[in-house]
Protein backbone atom coordinates (compact mmCIF):
# COMPACT_ATOMS: atom_id res chain seq x y z
CA MET A 1 2.26 34.98 0.78
CA LEU A 2 0.17 32.05 2.06
CA THR A 3 -3.19 33.73 1.72
CA TRP A 4 -4.60 30.74 -0.14
CA LEU A 5 -3.85 28.31 2.73
CA PRO A 6 -6.87 29.06 5.01
CA ASP A 7 -9.29 28.76 2.07
CA PHE A 8 -7.65 25.53 0.94
CA LEU A 9 -7.83 23.99 4.43
CA ARG A 10 -11.45 25.08 4.91
CA GLU A 11 -12.41 23.50 1.60
CA GLU A 12 -10.52 20.26 2.23
CA LEU A 13 -11.80 19.76 5.77
CA LEU A 14 -15.48 20.26 5.01
CA THR A 15 -17.60 17.44 6.32
CA TYR A 16 -19.66 15.23 4.06
CA PRO A 17 -21.93 12.26 4.74
CA GLY A 18 -19.94 9.19 5.71
CA ARG A 19 -16.67 10.96 6.42
CA VAL A 20 -16.63 10.17 10.14
CA ALA A 21 -17.31 6.48 9.46
CA LEU A 22 -14.57 6.33 6.83
CA VAL A 23 -11.99 7.99 9.06
CA SER A 24 -12.99 5.76 11.98
CA ARG A 25 -12.53 2.63 9.86
CA MET A 26 -9.12 3.84 8.72
CA VAL A 27 -7.94 4.62 12.25
CA VAL A 28 -9.21 1.32 13.68
CA ALA A 29 -7.66 -0.72 10.86
CA ALA A 30 -4.26 0.99 11.11
CA THR A 31 -4.27 0.68 14.91
CA LEU A 32 -5.13 -3.03 14.80
CA ILE A 33 -2.41 -3.66 12.25
CA MET A 34 0.19 -1.96 14.41
CA ILE A 35 -0.99 -3.89 17.50
CA VAL A 36 -0.67 -7.20 15.62
CA GLY A 37 2.72 -6.19 14.23
CA MET A 38 4.10 -5.09 17.58
CA THR A 39 2.70 -8.14 19.38
CA PHE A 40 4.17 -10.66 16.95
CA ARG A 41 7.22 -8.53 16.06
CA ILE A 42 6.52 -8.54 12.36
CA PRO A 43 9.03 -6.44 10.44
CA TYR A 44 7.75 -3.76 8.04
CA THR A 45 4.36 -3.55 9.76
CA TYR A 46 4.33 0.18 9.12
CA GLN A 47 3.86 -0.71 5.47
CA GLY A 48 0.73 -2.68 6.29
CA ALA A 49 -0.69 0.28 8.20
CA ILE A 50 0.01 2.57 5.25
CA TYR A 51 -1.73 0.15 2.90
CA ALA A 52 -4.73 -0.04 5.22
CA LEU A 53 -5.04 3.71 4.84
CA MET A 54 -4.61 3.45 1.08
CA ILE A 55 -7.31 0.85 0.49
CA SER A 56 -10.00 2.54 2.56
CA ARG A 57 -12.66 3.81 0.21
CA GLU A 58 -16.19 5.04 0.59
CA SER A 59 -17.86 1.92 -0.81
CA ARG A 60 -17.30 -1.74 -0.11
CA GLN A 61 -16.76 -2.60 -3.76
CA ALA A 62 -14.10 0.08 -4.16
CA THR A 63 -12.36 -1.07 -0.97
CA LEU A 64 -12.28 -4.70 -2.13
CA LYS A 65 -11.10 -3.70 -5.61
CA SER A 66 -8.32 -1.58 -4.11
CA ALA A 67 -7.29 -4.38 -1.74
CA GLY A 68 -7.21 -6.88 -4.61
CA THR A 69 -5.11 -4.54 -6.72
CA ILE A 70 -2.64 -4.02 -3.89
CA LEU A 71 -2.30 -7.77 -3.26
CA LEU A 72 -1.84 -8.56 -6.95
CA VAL A 73 0.73 -5.84 -7.55
CA THR A 74 2.60 -6.70 -4.35
CA GLY A 75 2.83 -10.30 -5.52
CA ILE A 76 4.08 -9.18 -8.93
CA GLY A 77 6.65 -6.90 -7.31
CA ALA A 78 7.88 -9.63 -4.95
CA ALA A 79 8.09 -12.13 -7.80
CA TYR A 80 10.03 -9.61 -9.88
CA LEU A 81 12.45 -8.99 -7.02
CA LEU A 82 13.04 -12.63 -6.14
CA ILE A 83 13.31 -13.91 -9.70
CA SER A 84 15.37 -11.10 -11.20
CA VAL A 85 17.82 -10.81 -8.33
CA SER A 86 18.69 -14.49 -8.69
CA PHE A 87 20.32 -13.64 -12.03
CA VAL A 88 22.48 -10.80 -10.69
CA ILE A 89 23.27 -11.76 -7.10
CA ASN A 90 26.87 -12.85 -7.74
CA SER A 91 28.03 -10.05 -10.02
CA PRO A 92 28.43 -6.52 -8.68
CA LEU A 93 28.33 -4.99 -12.16
CA LEU A 94 25.14 -6.84 -13.10
CA HIS A 95 23.69 -5.97 -9.70
CA CYS A 96 24.29 -2.27 -10.38
CA VAL A 97 22.65 -2.59 -13.80
CA TRP A 98 19.73 -4.43 -12.12
CA VAL A 99 19.23 -1.60 -9.63
CA ILE A 100 19.26 1.02 -12.39
CA GLY A 101 16.96 -1.08 -14.57
CA SER A 102 14.56 -1.73 -11.69
CA PHE A 103 14.19 1.96 -10.94
CA PHE A 104 13.81 2.72 -14.64
CA LEU A 105 11.05 0.10 -14.75
CA VAL A 106 9.35 1.74 -11.76
CA PHE A 107 9.38 5.20 -13.32
CA TYR A 108 8.21 3.78 -16.63
CA ALA A 109 5.34 1.98 -14.88
CA ILE A 110 4.29 5.16 -13.08
CA SER A 111 4.25 7.11 -16.34
CA THR A 112 2.39 4.51 -18.42
CA LEU A 113 -0.04 2.62 -16.19
CA THR A 114 -3.57 3.99 -16.08
CA ASN A 115 -4.15 2.63 -12.57
CA TYR A 116 -2.05 5.01 -10.48
CA THR A 117 -2.55 2.97 -7.31
CA ALA A 118 -1.09 -0.12 -8.97
CA ALA A 119 1.88 1.86 -10.26
CA VAL A 120 2.59 3.38 -6.84
CA ILE A 121 2.31 0.01 -5.07
CA PHE A 122 4.75 -1.51 -7.55
CA ALA A 123 7.09 1.44 -7.01
CA ILE A 124 6.88 1.07 -3.23
CA MET A 125 7.54 -2.66 -3.42
CA ILE A 126 10.59 -2.20 -5.64
CA SER A 127 11.93 0.79 -3.72
CA LEU A 128 11.73 -1.15 -0.45
CA GLY A 129 12.96 -4.43 -1.92
CA VAL A 130 16.02 -3.23 -3.83
CA PRO A 131 17.82 -1.89 -0.73
CA LEU A 132 17.16 -5.22 1.00
CA TRP A 133 19.26 -6.89 -1.66
CA ASP A 134 22.04 -4.31 -1.41
CA ARG A 135 22.95 -5.46 2.08
CA VAL A 136 25.91 -7.76 2.61
CA LEU A 137 23.93 -10.55 4.22
CA PRO A 138 23.21 -14.14 3.25
CA SER A 139 20.64 -14.52 0.48
CA GLU A 140 18.35 -16.41 2.83
CA THR A 141 18.07 -13.35 5.07
CA ASN A 142 17.26 -11.12 2.11
CA VAL A 143 14.60 -13.57 0.86
CA GLU A 144 13.10 -13.72 4.35
CA ASP A 145 12.98 -9.93 4.59
CA THR A 146 11.33 -9.68 1.17
CA LEU A 147 8.71 -12.19 2.28
CA TRP A 148 8.24 -10.38 5.62
CA LEU A 149 7.48 -7.25 3.62
CA CYS A 150 4.86 -9.17 1.64
CA LEU A 151 3.35 -10.51 4.88
CA ALA A 152 3.03 -7.00 6.26
CA VAL A 153 1.18 -5.96 3.11
CA VAL A 154 -1.13 -8.98 3.36
CA ILE A 155 -1.92 -8.17 6.99
CA GLY A 156 -2.60 -4.55 6.08
CA ASN A 157 -4.91 -5.60 3.27
CA HIS A 158 -6.70 -8.13 5.41
CA ARG A 159 -7.38 -5.78 8.32
CA GLY A 160 -8.09 -2.78 6.12
CA GLY A 161 -10.33 -4.79 3.83
CA ARG A 162 -12.24 -6.35 6.71
CA ALA A 163 -12.75 -2.95 8.30
CA GLY A 164 -14.18 -1.67 5.03
CA VAL A 165 -16.38 -4.70 4.38
CA ARG A 166 -17.75 -5.05 7.90
CA ALA A 167 -18.67 -1.38 8.15
CA PRO A 168 -22.35 -0.63 7.86
CA ALA A 169 -23.39 0.62 4.47
CA THR A 170 -23.94 4.34 4.40
CA ARG A 171 -27.37 5.29 3.21
CA ARG A 172 -27.57 8.18 0.84
CA ARG A 173 -30.19 10.75 1.64
CA CYS A 174 -32.50 11.71 -1.07
CA CYS A 175 -33.34 15.32 -1.83
CA HIS A 176 -37.07 14.72 -1.92
CA THR A 177 -39.51 12.93 0.31
CA ASP A 178 -42.17 10.51 -0.82
CA GLN A 179 -45.18 11.51 1.25
C-alpha cells in the first residue's frame, strides 16, 4: 500500500551542494531565536522560530527578499487586526461578522495572491490574531499580545536573515576545467 514511500523519501533526502550549510543555518537561527525568547520570556517566540525556517533560502538575495516580504505582510496583518477590531470591539454581532469576514479575506488572499509566502504569512497573522481578540480581557492586553506576536516575527526575521546573510557564499562548481 505504501510502496511509493521509500522511493519518495530517497528522492527527497538526496544531498546536493550547499544543503548542509543551509540546514545548519536554519538550525542555528531557530535555536538562537528560542534561546532569546526563553531568556527574555517573549510570548509567541515559536512563531519567530517558524519564520526563521521559512525565510531560509539558498541565496542571500532570496533570503533577504523572503524576510522583507514576511515583515511587510506581518505589518499589514497587524495593522488590519488593530484597526478593524477597533470598529467591532463593543458589539458581539459585529465581532462575529468581523471574524467571518477576516477568515473569508484570508482564504480569498490565499486563492488570489501570486506570492504564496505572503498569502500564508497573512493567513498565519490573522489566524493567530483573531483568537486573541476573542478573549474576555481588557483591550490593552489584546493589543499587547498582538504586538508581542509582531515582535516575535521581527526577532525571527532578524536572526534568520542574519544567519542567511552572514553565511559564506556557496561556490558553484563548474562542469569543465580551464587548464
